[in-house]
């Protein structure tokens, strides 16, 4: 594999990272909206399933935040590598 092929592969990877980030950001937005709606609907509920569902929604948001950070770090690393290749 020559340098040009490595650069092309890296650019394709960067584009995939950007698409993945957009998708995960939409998932995070949807999960936040669902959490808000569920919180308003089930206000002060102590029902076990409600409590568990709210915890699951909060965990989903947390996981999306972690994923976005990982994607950002991956994109930055790929961009730095591409810049180093010239």
N, C-alpha and C. Protein backbone atom coordinates (compact mmCIF):
# COMPACT_ATOMS: atom_id res chain seq x y z
N UNK A 1 0.86 -1.17 0.00
CA UNK A 1 0.00 0.00 0.00
C UNK A 1 0.90 1.23 0.00
N UNK A 2 0.62 2.14 -0.92
CA UNK A 2 1.44 3.35 -0.98
C UNK A 2 0.80 4.46 -0.14
N UNK A 3 1.51 5.58 -0.03
CA UNK A 3 1.06 6.70 0.81
C UNK A 3 -0.29 7.24 0.34
N UNK A 4 -0.47 7.34 -0.97
CA UNK A 4 -1.75 7.82 -1.50
C UNK A 4 -2.91 6.93 -1.10
N UNK A 5 -2.69 5.62 -1.11
CA UNK A 5 -3.74 4.68 -0.70
C UNK A 5 -4.03 4.79 0.80
N UNK A 6 -2.97 4.99 1.57
CA UNK A 6 -3.16 5.17 3.02
C UNK A 6 -3.96 6.44 3.30
N UNK A 7 -3.64 7.51 2.58
CA UNK A 7 -4.38 8.77 2.76
C UNK A 7 -5.84 8.60 2.40
N UNK A 8 -6.11 7.92 1.28
CA UNK A 8 -7.50 7.69 0.85
C UNK A 8 -8.25 6.86 1.88
N UNK A 9 -7.60 5.83 2.39
CA UNK A 9 -8.22 4.99 3.40
C UNK A 9 -8.49 5.79 4.67
N UNK A 10 -7.54 6.63 5.04
CA UNK A 10 -7.70 7.48 6.23
C UNK A 10 -8.86 8.46 6.05
N UNK A 11 -8.95 9.07 4.87
CA UNK A 11 -10.06 10.00 4.61
C UNK A 11 -11.40 9.28 4.67
N UNK A 12 -11.45 8.06 4.12
CA UNK A 12 -12.69 7.28 4.21
C UNK A 12 -13.05 6.99 5.66
N UNK A 13 -12.03 6.70 6.46
CA UNK A 13 -12.26 6.45 7.88
C UNK A 13 -12.77 7.69 8.58
N UNK A 14 -12.22 8.84 8.24
CA UNK A 14 -12.67 10.11 8.83
C UNK A 14 -14.13 10.39 8.48
N UNK A 15 -14.49 10.11 7.23
CA UNK A 15 -15.89 10.30 6.82
C UNK A 15 -16.81 9.35 7.58
N UNK A 16 -16.37 8.11 7.78
CA UNK A 16 -17.17 7.14 8.53
C UNK A 16 -17.33 7.60 9.99
N UNK A 17 -16.27 8.14 10.55
CA UNK A 17 -16.34 8.66 11.92
C UNK A 17 -17.34 9.80 12.00
N UNK A 18 -17.30 10.70 11.02
CA UNK A 18 -18.25 11.83 11.01
C UNK A 18 -19.68 11.34 10.91
N UNK A 19 -19.93 10.35 10.05
CA UNK A 19 -21.29 9.81 9.92
C UNK A 19 -21.73 9.13 11.22
N UNK A 20 -20.82 8.39 11.82
CA UNK A 20 -21.14 7.71 13.08
C UNK A 20 -21.44 8.73 14.18
N UNK A 21 -20.65 9.80 14.23
CA UNK A 21 -20.87 10.85 15.23
C UNK A 21 -22.24 11.49 15.06
N UNK A 22 -22.61 11.78 13.81
CA UNK A 22 -23.92 12.37 13.55
C UNK A 22 -25.03 11.43 14.00
N UNK A 23 -24.88 10.16 13.72
CA UNK A 23 -25.89 9.18 14.11
C UNK A 23 -26.00 9.08 15.63
N UNK A 24 -24.87 8.99 16.30
CA UNK A 24 -24.88 8.88 17.76
C UNK A 24 -25.41 10.16 18.40
N UNK A 25 -25.09 11.31 17.84
CA UNK A 25 -25.64 12.56 18.37
C UNK A 25 -27.16 12.59 18.23
N UNK A 26 -27.69 12.04 17.14
CA UNK A 26 -29.15 11.96 16.98
C UNK A 26 -29.74 11.00 18.01
N UNK A 27 -29.06 9.89 18.24
CA UNK A 27 -29.52 8.94 19.25
C UNK A 27 -29.52 9.61 20.62
N UNK A 28 -28.48 10.37 20.92
CA UNK A 28 -28.41 11.07 22.20
C UNK A 28 -29.55 12.07 22.34
N UNK A 29 -29.83 12.79 21.28
CA UNK A 29 -30.93 13.76 21.29
C UNK A 29 -32.27 13.05 21.50
N UNK A 30 -32.47 11.95 20.79
CA UNK A 30 -33.71 11.19 20.95
C UNK A 30 -33.85 10.63 22.36
N UNK A 31 -32.74 10.14 22.91
CA UNK A 31 -32.78 9.59 24.27
C UNK A 31 -33.05 10.69 25.29
N UNK A 32 -32.49 11.87 25.09
CA UNK A 32 -32.75 12.99 26.00
C UNK A 32 -34.21 13.40 25.92
N UNK A 33 -34.75 13.44 24.72
CA UNK A 33 -36.17 13.79 24.55
C UNK A 33 -37.07 12.74 25.20
N UNK A 34 -36.72 11.47 25.02
CA UNK A 34 -37.50 10.39 25.64
C UNK A 34 -37.44 10.48 27.16
N UNK A 35 -36.26 10.82 27.67
CA UNK A 35 -36.11 10.96 29.13
C UNK A 35 -36.97 12.10 29.66
N UNK A 36 -36.97 13.22 28.97
CA UNK A 36 -37.79 14.36 29.38
C UNK A 36 -39.27 14.00 29.35
N UNK A 37 -39.70 13.37 28.26
CA UNK A 37 -41.11 12.99 28.13
C UNK A 37 -41.50 11.97 29.19
N UNK A 38 -40.64 10.96 29.38
CA UNK A 38 -40.93 9.94 30.38
C UNK A 38 -40.95 10.54 31.78
N UNK A 39 -40.02 11.45 32.04
CA UNK A 39 -39.98 12.09 33.35
C UNK A 39 -41.23 12.89 33.64
N UNK A 40 -41.73 13.58 32.62
CA UNK A 40 -42.96 14.36 32.80
C UNK A 40 -44.17 13.45 32.94
N UNK A 41 -44.17 12.36 32.22
CA UNK A 41 -45.30 11.44 32.24
C UNK A 41 -45.36 10.64 33.54
N UNK A 42 -44.19 10.26 34.02
CA UNK A 42 -44.12 9.38 35.19
C UNK A 42 -43.63 10.10 36.43
N UNK A 43 -43.88 11.40 36.49
CA UNK A 43 -43.40 12.24 37.58
C UNK A 43 -43.69 11.60 38.94
N UNK A 44 -42.65 11.48 39.76
CA UNK A 44 -42.71 10.96 41.13
C UNK A 44 -43.17 9.52 41.22
N UNK A 45 -43.11 8.76 40.15
CA UNK A 45 -43.49 7.36 40.20
C UNK A 45 -42.41 6.56 40.91
N UNK A 46 -42.82 5.68 41.78
CA UNK A 46 -41.91 4.78 42.49
C UNK A 46 -42.04 3.35 41.96
N UNK A 47 -42.84 3.17 40.89
CA UNK A 47 -43.04 1.85 40.33
C UNK A 47 -41.69 1.32 39.84
N UNK A 48 -41.41 0.05 40.14
CA UNK A 48 -40.11 -0.52 39.85
C UNK A 48 -39.76 -0.44 38.36
N UNK A 49 -40.72 -0.73 37.49
CA UNK A 49 -40.43 -0.68 36.05
C UNK A 49 -40.14 0.75 35.57
N UNK A 50 -40.83 1.71 36.15
CA UNK A 50 -40.61 3.11 35.78
C UNK A 50 -39.21 3.55 36.22
N UNK A 51 -38.86 3.22 37.44
CA UNK A 51 -37.54 3.57 37.95
C UNK A 51 -36.46 2.91 37.10
N UNK A 52 -36.66 1.65 36.77
CA UNK A 52 -35.68 0.92 35.95
C UNK A 52 -35.58 1.52 34.55
N UNK A 53 -36.71 1.88 33.96
CA UNK A 53 -36.70 2.48 32.62
C UNK A 53 -35.99 3.83 32.64
N UNK A 54 -36.24 4.63 33.65
CA UNK A 54 -35.57 5.93 33.74
C UNK A 54 -34.05 5.75 33.90
N UNK A 55 -33.66 4.77 34.68
CA UNK A 55 -32.23 4.49 34.84
C UNK A 55 -31.63 4.03 33.51
N UNK A 56 -32.36 3.23 32.78
CA UNK A 56 -31.89 2.76 31.47
C UNK A 56 -31.73 3.91 30.49
N UNK A 57 -32.67 4.83 30.49
CA UNK A 57 -32.57 6.00 29.61
C UNK A 57 -31.36 6.86 29.99
N UNK A 58 -31.15 7.07 31.27
CA UNK A 58 -29.99 7.86 31.71
C UNK A 58 -28.69 7.16 31.33
N UNK A 59 -28.67 5.83 31.45
CA UNK A 59 -27.48 5.08 31.08
C UNK A 59 -27.23 5.16 29.57
N UNK A 60 -28.30 5.14 28.79
CA UNK A 60 -28.16 5.27 27.33
C UNK A 60 -27.55 6.61 26.96
N UNK A 61 -28.00 7.65 27.62
CA UNK A 61 -27.43 8.99 27.36
C UNK A 61 -25.95 9.02 27.73
N UNK A 62 -25.62 8.43 28.86
CA UNK A 62 -24.22 8.37 29.30
C UNK A 62 -23.37 7.63 28.27
N UNK A 63 -23.87 6.51 27.79
CA UNK A 63 -23.12 5.73 26.80
C UNK A 63 -22.94 6.50 25.49
N UNK A 64 -23.96 7.25 25.09
CA UNK A 64 -23.80 8.04 23.86
C UNK A 64 -22.74 9.12 24.05
N UNK A 65 -22.70 9.72 25.23
CA UNK A 65 -21.68 10.74 25.51
C UNK A 65 -20.28 10.14 25.43
N UNK A 66 -20.11 8.94 26.00
CA UNK A 66 -18.81 8.27 25.93
C UNK A 66 -18.45 7.94 24.48
N UNK A 67 -19.41 7.48 23.73
CA UNK A 67 -19.17 7.12 22.33
C UNK A 67 -18.78 8.35 21.52
N UNK A 68 -19.47 9.45 21.75
CA UNK A 68 -19.14 10.69 21.03
C UNK A 68 -17.71 11.13 21.36
N UNK A 69 -17.32 11.03 22.62
CA UNK A 69 -15.95 11.40 23.00
C UNK A 69 -14.93 10.49 22.30
N UNK A 70 -15.23 9.19 22.23
CA UNK A 70 -14.32 8.27 21.56
C UNK A 70 -14.24 8.57 20.07
N UNK A 71 -15.38 8.86 19.46
CA UNK A 71 -15.37 9.20 18.03
C UNK A 71 -14.60 10.49 17.79
N UNK A 72 -14.77 11.47 18.65
CA UNK A 72 -14.02 12.73 18.51
C UNK A 72 -12.51 12.47 18.61
N UNK A 73 -12.11 11.67 19.58
CA UNK A 73 -10.69 11.36 19.76
C UNK A 73 -10.15 10.60 18.55
N UNK A 74 -10.95 9.67 18.03
CA UNK A 74 -10.53 8.90 16.86
C UNK A 74 -10.38 9.81 15.64
N UNK A 75 -11.33 10.72 15.47
CA UNK A 75 -11.26 11.65 14.35
C UNK A 75 -10.05 12.56 14.43
N UNK A 76 -9.77 13.02 15.64
CA UNK A 76 -8.60 13.89 15.84
C UNK A 76 -7.31 13.14 15.53
N UNK A 77 -7.23 11.89 16.00
CA UNK A 77 -6.03 11.08 15.75
C UNK A 77 -5.86 10.80 14.26
N UNK A 78 -6.96 10.46 13.61
CA UNK A 78 -6.90 10.19 12.17
C UNK A 78 -6.50 11.44 11.40
N UNK A 79 -7.04 12.59 11.82
CA UNK A 79 -6.68 13.85 11.17
C UNK A 79 -5.22 14.20 11.37
N UNK A 80 -4.71 13.97 12.56
CA UNK A 80 -3.29 14.22 12.85
C UNK A 80 -2.40 13.31 12.01
N UNK A 81 -2.80 12.06 11.89
CA UNK A 81 -2.02 11.12 11.09
C UNK A 81 -2.03 11.54 9.63
N UNK A 82 -3.19 11.94 9.14
CA UNK A 82 -3.29 12.39 7.74
C UNK A 82 -2.41 13.63 7.52
N UNK A 83 -2.42 14.55 8.48
CA UNK A 83 -1.57 15.74 8.35
C UNK A 83 -0.08 15.37 8.36
N UNK A 84 0.27 14.38 9.17
CA UNK A 84 1.66 13.95 9.25
C UNK A 84 2.12 13.31 7.93
N UNK A 85 1.18 12.68 7.24
CA UNK A 85 1.51 12.06 5.96
C UNK A 85 1.75 13.09 4.87
N UNK A 86 1.20 14.28 5.11
CA UNK A 86 1.43 15.38 4.17
C UNK A 86 0.45 15.52 3.06
